[in-house]
C-alpha atoms as a PDB file:
ATOM      1  CA  UNK A   1     -10.650  -7.581   8.463  1.00  0.00           C
ATOM      2  CA  UNK A   2      -9.438  -7.910  12.090  1.00  0.00           C
ATOM      3  CA  UNK A   3      -7.731  -5.025  13.796  1.00  0.00           C
ATOM      4  CA  UNK A   4      -4.532  -6.982  13.801  1.00  0.00           C
ATOM      5  CA  UNK A   5      -4.668  -7.223  10.069  1.00  0.00           C
ATOM      6  CA  UNK A   6      -5.516  -3.714   9.718  1.00  0.00           C
ATOM      7  CA  UNK A   7      -2.373  -2.677  11.834  1.00  0.00           C
ATOM      8  CA  UNK A   8      -0.295  -5.110   9.791  1.00  0.00           C
ATOM      9  CA  UNK A   9      -1.534  -3.542   6.471  1.00  0.00           C
ATOM     10  CA  UNK A  10      -0.607  -0.100   7.808  1.00  0.00           C
ATOM     11  CA  UNK A  11       3.000  -1.247   8.567  1.00  0.00           C
ATOM     12  CA  UNK A  12       3.160  -2.702   4.980  1.00  0.00           C
ATOM     13  CA  UNK A  13       1.601   0.324   3.454  1.00  0.00           C
ATOM     14  CA  UNK A  14       4.147   2.539   5.216  1.00  0.00           C
ATOM     15  CA  UNK A  15       7.203   0.490   4.023  1.00  0.00           C
ATOM     16  CA  UNK A  16       6.133  -0.757   0.476  1.00  0.00           C
ATOM     17  CA  UNK A  17       3.093   1.294  -0.658  1.00  0.00           C
ATOM     18  CA  UNK A  18       1.403   4.453   0.544  1.00  0.00           C
ATOM     19  CA  UNK A  19      -1.093   5.181   3.358  1.00  0.00           C
ATOM     20  CA  UNK A  20      -4.504   3.801   2.647  1.00  0.00           C
ATOM     21  CA  UNK A  21      -3.334   2.014  -0.506  1.00  0.00           C
ATOM     22  CA  UNK A  22      -5.271  -1.316   0.440  1.00  0.00           C
ATOM     23  CA  UNK A  23      -8.460   0.493   1.557  1.00  0.00           C
ATOM     24  CA  UNK A  24      -8.350   2.508  -1.750  1.00  0.00           C
ATOM     25  CA  UNK A  25      -7.796  -0.757  -3.907  1.00  0.00           C
ATOM     26  CA  UNK A  26     -10.781  -2.384  -1.993  1.00  0.00           C
ATOM     27  CA  UNK A  27     -13.003   0.529  -2.639  1.00  0.00           C
ATOM     28  CA  UNK A  28     -12.007   0.688  -6.222  1.00  0.00           C
ATOM     29  CA  UNK A  29     -13.115  -2.727  -6.814  1.00  0.00           C
ATOM     30  CA  UNK A  30     -16.252  -2.245  -4.775  1.00  0.00           C
ATOM     31  CA  UNK A  31     -17.183   0.719  -7.023  1.00  0.00           C
ATOM     32  CA  UNK A  32     -16.461  -1.250 -10.175  1.00  0.00           C
ATOM     33  CA  UNK A  33     -18.507  -4.242  -8.996  1.00  0.00           C
ATOM     34  CA  UNK A  34     -21.505  -2.065  -8.377  1.00  0.00           C
ATOM     35  CA  UNK A  35     -21.686  -1.428 -12.238  1.00  0.00           C
ATOM     36  CA  UNK A  36     -24.683  -3.103 -13.714  1.00  0.00           C
ATOM     37  CA  UNK A  37     -24.385  -5.676 -16.246  1.00  0.00           C
ATOM     38  CA  UNK A  38     -22.381  -8.870 -16.761  1.00  0.00           C
ATOM     39  CA  UNK A  39     -19.228  -7.252 -18.020  1.00  0.00           C
ATOM     40  CA  UNK A  40     -17.210  -4.379 -16.437  1.00  0.00           C
ATOM     41  CA  UNK A  41     -16.784  -1.321 -18.571  1.00  0.00           C
ATOM     42  CA  UNK A  42     -14.345   1.623 -18.976  1.00  0.00           C
ATOM     43  CA  UNK A  43     -13.656   3.930 -17.335  1.00  0.00           C
ATOM     44  CA  UNK A  44     -13.445   3.158 -13.655  1.00  0.00           C
ATOM     45  CA  UNK A  45     -11.885   6.205 -12.451  1.00  0.00           C
ATOM     46  CA  UNK A  46      -9.533   8.942 -13.577  1.00  0.00           C
ATOM     47  CA  UNK A  47      -7.599   8.258 -17.051  1.00  0.00           C
ATOM     48  CA  UNK A  48      -4.481   6.364 -16.221  1.00  0.00           C
ATOM     49  CA  UNK A  49      -5.935   4.858 -12.820  1.00  0.00           C
ATOM     50  CA  UNK A  50      -7.166   1.534 -13.569  1.00  0.00           C
ATOM     51  CA  UNK A  51      -8.669  -1.265 -11.340  1.00  0.00           C
ATOM     52  CA  UNK A  52      -5.860  -3.507 -12.192  1.00  0.00           C
ATOM     53  CA  UNK A  53      -3.396  -0.872 -10.336  1.00  0.00           C
ATOM     54  CA  UNK A  54      -5.479  -1.498  -7.205  1.00  0.00           C
ATOM     55  CA  UNK A  55      -4.970  -5.210  -7.676  1.00  0.00           C
ATOM     56  CA  UNK A  56      -1.175  -4.610  -7.920  1.00  0.00           C
ATOM     57  CA  UNK A  57      -1.338  -2.879  -4.539  1.00  0.00           C
ATOM     58  CA  UNK A  58      -3.215  -5.859  -2.963  1.00  0.00           C
ATOM     59  CA  UNK A  59      -0.607  -8.041  -4.384  1.00  0.00           C
ATOM     60  CA  UNK A  60       2.161  -6.192  -2.770  1.00  0.00           C
ATOM     61  CA  UNK A  61       0.405  -6.112   0.496  1.00  0.00           C
ATOM     62  CA  UNK A  62      -0.204  -9.902   0.433  1.00  0.00           C
ATOM     63  CA  UNK A  63       3.416 -10.563  -0.295  1.00  0.00           C
ATOM     64  CA  UNK A  64       4.700  -8.604   2.723  1.00  0.00           C
ATOM     65  CA  UNK A  65       2.025  -9.228   5.298  1.00  0.00           C
ATOM     66  CA  UNK A  66       2.669 -11.892   8.101  1.00  0.00           C
ATOM     67  CA  UNK A  67       0.889 -15.223   7.586  1.00  0.00           C
ATOM     68  CA  UNK A  68      -2.401 -14.400   9.796  1.00  0.00           C
ATOM     69  CA  UNK A  69      -2.930 -11.094   8.196  1.00  0.00           C
ATOM     70  CA  UNK A  70      -2.163 -12.444   4.779  1.00  0.00           C
ATOM     71  CA  UNK A  71      -4.818 -15.096   5.134  1.00  0.00           C
ATOM     72  CA  UNK A  72      -7.280 -12.499   6.347  1.00  0.00           C
ATOM     73  CA  UNK A  73      -6.728 -10.254   3.464  1.00  0.00           C
ATOM     74  CA  UNK A  74      -6.389 -13.012   1.149  1.00  0.00           C
ATOM     75  CA  UNK A  75     -10.037 -14.069   1.875  1.00  0.00           C
ATOM     76  CA  UNK A  76     -11.164 -10.729   0.570  1.00  0.00           C
ATOM     77  CA  UNK A  77      -8.759 -10.760  -2.413  1.00  0.00           C
ATOM     78  CA  UNK A  78     -10.034 -14.254  -3.360  1.00  0.00           C
ATOM     79  CA  UNK A  79     -13.470 -13.039  -3.591  1.00  0.00           C
ATOM     80  CA  UNK A  80     -12.396  -9.931  -5.586  1.00  0.00           C
ATOM     81  CA  UNK A  81     -10.532 -12.165  -7.954  1.00  0.00           C
ATOM     82  CA  UNK A  82     -13.395 -14.523  -8.589  1.00  0.00           C
ATOM     83  CA  UNK A  83     -15.753 -11.533  -9.249  1.00  0.00           C
ATOM     84  CA  UNK A  84     -13.318  -9.818 -11.476  1.00  0.00           C
ATOM     85  CA  UNK A  85     -12.521 -12.990 -13.396  1.00  0.00           C
ATOM     86  CA  UNK A  86     -16.340 -13.621 -13.701  1.00  0.00           C
ATOM     87  CA  UNK A  87     -17.024 -10.158 -15.077  1.00  0.00           C
ATOM     88  CA  UNK A  88     -14.029 -10.093 -17.551  1.00  0.00           C
ATOM     89  CA  UNK A  89     -12.876 -12.153 -20.384  1.00  0.00           C
ATOM     90  CA  UNK A  90      -9.309 -13.573 -21.265  1.00  0.00           C
ATOM     91  CA  UNK A  91      -6.998 -11.539 -23.359  1.00  0.00           C
ATOM     92  CA  UNK A  92      -3.928 -13.780 -23.967  1.00  0.00           C
ATOM     93  CA  UNK A  93      -2.878 -11.558 -26.776  1.00  0.00           C
ATOM     94  CA  UNK A  94      -2.014  -8.766 -24.264  1.00  0.00           C
ATOM     95  CA  UNK A  95       0.299 -10.613 -22.105  1.00  0.00           C
ATOM     96  CA  UNK A  96       3.716  -8.854 -21.752  1.00  0.00           C
ATOM     97  CA  UNK A  97       6.839  -9.208 -19.725  1.00  0.00           C
ATOM     98  CA  UNK A  98       5.585  -6.200 -17.665  1.00  0.00           C
ATOM     99  CA  UNK A  99       2.442  -8.241 -16.601  1.00  0.00           C
ATOM    100  CA  UNK A 100       4.279 -11.393 -15.973  1.00  0.00           C
ATOM    101  CA  UNK A 101       2.560 -13.206 -12.976  1.00  0.00           C
ATOM    102  CA  UNK A 102      -0.229 -10.615 -12.931  1.00  0.00           C
ATOM    103  CA  UNK A 103      -3.152 -12.296 -14.495  1.00  0.00           C
ATOM    104  CA  UNK A 104      -5.557  -9.541 -13.836  1.00  0.00           C
ATOM    105  CA  UNK A 105      -3.810  -7.532 -16.462  1.00  0.00           C
ATOM    106  CA  UNK A 106      -4.556 -10.050 -19.006  1.00  0.00           C
ATOM    107  CA  UNK A 107      -8.327  -9.662 -18.943  1.00  0.00           C
ATOM    108  CA  UNK A 108     -10.749  -7.825 -21.108  1.00  0.00           C
ATOM    109  CA  UNK A 109     -13.434  -5.797 -19.444  1.00  0.00           C
ATOM    110  CA  UNK A 110     -15.703  -5.347 -22.359  1.00  0.00           C
ATOM    111  CA  UNK A 111     -17.238  -7.872 -24.884  1.00  0.00           C
END
């Protein structure tokens, strides 16, 4: 990410998230994707802290960033989404009002 994008992310974090929320989310996915095997497995981190929570934070950041920064971060998130989708399976039975519009919560991590 460019320095301008990082500055824009810090402003969004200060207003809508928490400090380092985006970096934490990116590193959470990086650690998860280092797992061996085709499918991701539980747990990723402490109980109650799911990789999907990090994707929620990235979604908030993308919604509030200016266009250039959104495109810059969006390229990273697009690669994350592709890998997450590749390493998970659909779970249409789990979709709920709470997860509306957040497809990453509708995925199974284990076969």
